[in-house]
Amino acid sequence: MTRARCLKPFLVLALAASLVTGCGHGGADQEATATPEPIPTTALTLADVPGATSQAAYPGKRVEVLCKRIEPSVHGLVLLSEPDHAVTVEYQVDDVTVYETLALALTTTRPNGSFASIATDIASCDGTDEEVQFWSYGAPDSETGVLHATAGLPDALAGFTITTTGEDGAKHHIERIYAAVTTNNGEHPGVIVLTTVSSTDQPATPAPMDLLDTALQRANATLDPTAITTDIRPHTTPHPTNTTGQG
């Protein structure tokens, strides 16, 4: 089942603290995802993803979890900030697919509000049945499953896991983290999204957290530990944060 999707005008996005209050899942922007584009120099390389045998880049998001405003908070804003729209790089690792979405140029007057809303929406969807759309070939294939918010993450991160089942009985285990980041010495806010999708009901290897430190290095980005709490005040430059050893 596919839900209606639309994007609000840019002015609303700029003034509404990054909350897209209308429908905002994919639509025409996602239909173009079957056409690859150049792989960003800020993305993980093929060698950075253990066991990966191929990579390709696409505009927008490749896997959308329709929990409240999670996807519009990342996807809707940056798609309107050309040429720095959100780009997802897809890596194939045996029966696992790894996705890295780079949204490094959020167009909003309150960038922290975008990440804060993601964390809030994930928490509110914890334990609920949600729809997932896979945009691999234009029109999405939909599956459903129970979303579980990931506990114990640092303040700069939010995430969830979900095991989905399709109408044909096929299962996928999805694990995703959203990382609030800044680039250009703390001046430019953004979000890096790391996702793994296995073709079974079991977690994939590597996990998103296994790739985070390298993803930050490649994007020349720094985690922003203030993003989840400062959703009203102007953006502040964070101190560098290393995730090694953090769960």
Protein backbone atom coordinates (compact mmCIF):
# COMPACT_ATOMS: atom_id res chain seq x y z
CA MET A 1 0.00 0.00 0.00
CA THR A 2 1.46 3.33 -1.05
CA ARG A 3 0.63 6.52 0.78
CA ALA A 4 0.12 9.87 -0.91
CA ARG A 5 3.27 11.95 -1.01
CA CYS A 6 4.03 15.64 -1.50
CA LEU A 7 6.49 18.40 -0.60
CA LYS A 8 5.72 21.78 0.95
CA PRO A 9 7.10 24.92 -0.70
CA PHE A 10 10.57 26.08 0.28
CA LEU A 11 9.36 29.09 2.25
CA VAL A 12 7.29 26.90 4.55
CA LEU A 13 10.27 24.63 5.11
CA ALA A 14 12.54 27.52 5.97
CA LEU A 15 10.11 29.00 8.48
CA ALA A 16 8.68 25.84 9.99
CA ALA A 17 11.78 24.72 11.87
CA SER A 18 12.38 21.82 9.52
CA LEU A 19 9.04 20.13 10.17
CA VAL A 20 7.24 19.10 7.02
CA THR A 21 3.63 19.11 8.10
CA GLY A 22 2.16 17.78 4.86
CA CYS A 23 2.78 14.41 3.26
CA GLY A 24 6.40 14.06 2.33
CA HIS A 25 7.48 10.58 1.29
CA GLY A 26 9.31 10.28 -2.00
CA GLY A 27 6.97 10.92 -4.91
CA ALA A 28 8.41 12.11 -8.20
CA ASP A 29 11.82 12.70 -6.64
CA GLN A 30 12.06 9.06 -5.68
CA GLU A 31 10.91 7.79 -9.07
CA ALA A 32 14.24 8.97 -10.46
CA THR A 33 16.22 6.72 -8.11
CA ALA A 34 16.63 4.07 -10.81
CA THR A 35 19.07 6.45 -12.56
CA PRO A 36 22.53 6.42 -10.95
CA GLU A 37 24.55 9.59 -10.49
CA PRO A 38 28.22 10.25 -9.64
CA ILE A 39 29.35 8.84 -6.31
CA PRO A 40 30.14 11.76 -3.95
CA THR A 41 33.72 12.13 -2.79
CA THR A 42 32.26 12.50 0.73
CA ALA A 43 30.80 8.98 0.68
CA LEU A 44 32.21 5.73 1.97
CA THR A 45 34.41 4.01 -0.60
CA LEU A 46 33.89 0.44 -1.73
CA ALA A 47 36.86 -0.61 0.39
CA ASP A 48 35.35 1.07 3.48
CA VAL A 49 32.43 -1.41 3.55
CA PRO A 50 33.76 -4.89 4.42
CA GLY A 51 32.81 -7.44 1.80
CA ALA A 52 31.18 -4.94 -0.56
CA THR A 53 31.39 -5.88 -4.23
CA SER A 54 29.56 -2.96 -5.86
CA GLN A 55 28.41 0.59 -5.18
CA ALA A 56 26.13 3.07 -6.92
CA ALA A 57 24.75 6.50 -6.01
CA TYR A 58 21.17 7.73 -6.38
CA PRO A 59 19.29 10.93 -5.48
CA GLY A 60 16.98 10.85 -2.47
CA LYS A 61 16.35 7.91 -0.15
CA ARG A 62 16.33 4.24 -1.24
CA VAL A 63 14.55 2.80 1.81
CA GLU A 64 11.85 4.88 3.50
CA VAL A 65 10.29 4.04 6.87
CA LEU A 66 6.95 5.82 7.09
CA CYS A 67 7.03 6.73 10.76
CA LYS A 68 5.55 10.21 11.18
CA ARG A 69 7.93 12.89 9.80
CA ILE A 70 11.20 10.93 9.93
CA GLU A 71 11.78 10.87 6.19
CA PRO A 72 10.62 14.44 5.40
CA SER A 73 12.86 15.78 8.18
CA VAL A 74 15.88 14.56 6.18
CA HIS A 75 14.68 14.08 2.64
CA GLY A 76 12.22 16.88 1.95
CA LEU A 77 14.46 19.70 3.11
CA VAL A 78 17.61 18.82 1.23
CA LEU A 79 15.89 17.89 -2.01
CA LEU A 80 15.00 21.57 -2.33
CA SER A 81 18.57 22.77 -1.79
CA GLU A 82 20.05 22.06 -5.22
CA PRO A 83 22.67 21.16 -6.14
CA ASP A 84 23.30 19.72 -2.66
CA HIS A 85 20.33 17.35 -2.61
CA ALA A 86 20.38 14.19 -0.53
CA VAL A 87 22.35 11.37 -2.15
CA THR A 88 22.20 7.71 -1.18
CA VAL A 89 25.06 5.37 -2.00
CA GLU A 90 24.12 1.70 -2.16
CA TYR A 91 26.67 -1.06 -1.42
CA GLN A 92 26.06 -4.78 -2.03
CA VAL A 93 27.56 -7.23 0.48
CA ASP A 94 26.42 -10.79 -0.35
CA ASP A 95 22.75 -10.91 0.77
CA VAL A 96 23.05 -7.58 2.63
CA THR A 97 22.60 -4.09 1.22
CA VAL A 98 24.23 -1.11 2.93
CA TYR A 99 22.95 2.42 2.31
CA GLU A 100 24.64 5.70 3.19
CA THR A 101 22.50 8.81 2.74
CA LEU A 102 24.38 12.10 2.81
CA ALA A 103 22.31 15.19 3.59
CA LEU A 104 25.10 17.66 4.24
CA ALA A 105 23.39 20.94 3.31
CA LEU A 106 20.19 21.33 5.29
CA THR A 107 18.24 24.35 4.05
CA THR A 108 16.53 25.55 7.21
CA THR A 109 16.85 28.36 9.73
CA ARG A 110 16.72 25.86 12.59
CA PRO A 111 18.88 22.86 11.56
CA ASN A 112 18.86 21.34 15.03
CA GLY A 113 15.08 21.10 14.91
CA SER A 114 15.36 18.65 12.04
CA PHE A 115 17.35 16.11 14.04
CA ALA A 116 15.37 16.69 17.22
CA SER A 117 12.16 15.86 15.35
CA ILE A 118 13.70 12.65 14.00
CA ALA A 119 14.63 11.49 17.50
CA THR A 120 11.19 12.40 18.84
CA ASP A 121 9.36 10.62 16.04
CA ILE A 122 11.44 7.46 16.40
CA ALA A 123 10.62 7.37 20.12
CA SER A 124 6.90 7.83 19.42
CA CYS A 125 6.92 5.01 16.84
CA ASP A 126 8.67 2.56 19.18
CA GLY A 127 6.71 -0.68 19.30
CA THR A 128 4.28 0.28 16.54
CA ASP A 129 3.61 -1.37 13.20
CA GLU A 130 5.10 0.72 10.38
CA GLU A 131 5.31 0.59 6.60
CA VAL A 132 8.62 0.44 4.74
CA GLN A 133 9.02 1.35 1.08
CA PHE A 134 11.90 0.04 -1.04
CA TRP A 135 12.59 2.35 -4.01
CA SER A 136 14.97 0.16 -5.99
CA TYR A 137 13.14 0.24 -9.31
CA GLY A 138 10.94 3.33 -9.43
CA ALA A 139 7.58 2.43 -7.87
CA PRO A 140 8.14 1.16 -4.33
CA ASP A 141 7.62 -2.31 -2.92
CA SER A 142 6.04 -2.06 0.54
CA GLU A 143 6.47 -4.23 3.61
CA THR A 144 5.43 -3.80 7.24
CA GLY A 145 6.91 -4.61 10.62
CA VAL A 146 7.23 -3.45 14.23
CA LEU A 147 9.73 -0.62 14.73
CA HIS A 148 12.01 -0.72 17.78
CA ALA A 149 13.87 2.44 18.79
CA THR A 150 17.56 1.83 19.54
CA ALA A 151 18.37 2.66 23.15
CA GLY A 152 21.64 3.91 24.58
CA LEU A 153 22.90 5.91 21.60
CA PRO A 154 24.93 9.13 22.11
CA ASP A 155 22.99 12.40 21.88
CA ALA A 156 24.18 13.00 18.31
CA LEU A 157 22.60 9.75 17.13
CA ALA A 158 19.12 8.28 16.82
CA GLY A 159 18.15 4.95 15.34
CA PHE A 160 15.87 1.95 15.11
CA THR A 161 15.55 -1.63 13.93
CA ILE A 162 12.61 -3.22 12.16
CA THR A 163 11.97 -6.66 10.68
CA THR A 164 9.54 -6.39 7.79
CA THR A 165 7.39 -8.93 5.98
CA GLY A 166 6.07 -8.57 2.45
CA GLU A 167 2.89 -9.94 0.93
CA ASP A 168 4.93 -12.85 -0.47
CA GLY A 169 6.28 -13.69 3.00
CA ALA A 170 9.78 -12.38 2.30
CA LYS A 171 11.50 -10.81 5.30
CA HIS A 172 14.07 -8.04 5.69
CA HIS A 173 15.85 -6.91 8.84
CA ILE A 174 16.58 -3.17 8.72
CA GLU A 175 18.90 -1.32 11.08
CA ARG A 176 19.35 2.45 10.73
CA ILE A 177 21.10 5.28 12.52
CA TYR A 178 20.77 9.02 11.92
CA ALA A 179 23.85 11.07 12.80
CA ALA A 180 23.57 14.83 13.33
CA VAL A 181 26.74 16.36 11.92
CA THR A 182 28.39 19.59 10.91
CA THR A 183 30.91 20.25 8.15
CA ASN A 184 33.19 23.18 7.28
CA ASN A 185 34.43 23.58 10.85
CA GLY A 186 30.97 23.45 12.35
CA GLU A 187 29.32 25.97 10.02
CA HIS A 188 27.16 23.66 7.88
CA PRO A 189 24.61 21.35 9.58
CA GLY A 190 23.62 18.03 8.08
CA VAL A 191 22.55 14.46 8.67
CA ILE A 192 24.27 11.22 7.68
CA VAL A 193 21.99 8.18 7.58
CA LEU A 194 23.48 4.67 7.63
CA THR A 195 21.21 1.71 6.92
CA THR A 196 21.72 -2.03 6.57
CA VAL A 197 19.11 -4.33 5.07
CA SER A 198 19.48 -8.12 5.25
CA SER A 199 17.36 -10.51 3.23
CA THR A 200 16.47 -12.47 6.39
CA ASP A 201 15.00 -11.67 9.79
CA GLN A 202 18.51 -11.49 11.30
CA PRO A 203 20.77 -8.42 11.74
CA ALA A 204 23.24 -7.68 8.98
CA THR A 205 27.02 -7.45 9.09
CA PRO A 206 28.42 -4.83 9.06
CA ALA A 207 26.08 -2.86 11.33
CA PRO A 208 25.59 0.87 10.79
CA MET A 209 27.61 1.73 13.91
CA ASP A 210 30.54 -0.24 12.48
CA LEU A 211 30.69 2.23 9.58
CA LEU A 212 30.02 5.50 11.38
CA ASP A 213 33.54 6.64 12.25
CA THR A 214 34.77 6.03 8.71
CA ALA A 215 31.70 7.76 7.28
CA LEU A 216 32.46 10.84 9.39
CA GLN A 217 36.07 10.86 8.19
CA ARG A 218 35.11 10.56 4.52
CA ALA A 219 32.56 13.38 4.82
CA ASN A 220 34.99 15.51 6.85
CA ALA A 221 32.13 15.80 9.33
CA THR A 222 31.86 16.07 13.09
CA LEU A 223 29.06 14.75 15.28
CA ASP A 224 26.93 17.51 16.80
CA PRO A 225 25.94 16.48 20.35
CA THR A 226 23.82 19.64 20.74
CA ALA A 227 21.49 18.84 17.85
CA ILE A 228 18.97 16.79 19.79
CA THR A 229 18.42 19.46 22.42
CA THR A 230 18.89 22.87 20.75
CA ASP A 231 15.88 22.92 18.44
CA ILE A 232 15.08 26.60 19.02
CA ARG A 233 18.33 28.46 19.57
CA PRO A 234 20.75 29.20 16.68
CA HIS A 235 23.16 26.47 15.70
CA THR A 236 26.33 26.31 17.81
CA THR A 237 29.68 24.89 16.77
CA PRO A 238 30.20 21.53 18.51
CA HIS A 239 33.40 20.07 19.87
CA PRO A 240 34.80 17.08 17.91
CA THR A 241 33.33 13.76 18.99
CA ASN A 242 34.76 10.28 18.44
CA THR A 243 32.32 7.38 18.50
CA THR A 244 34.84 4.61 19.09
CA GLY A 245 33.71 2.42 21.94
CA GLN A 246 30.25 3.96 22.10
CA GLY A 247 27.17 1.78 21.61
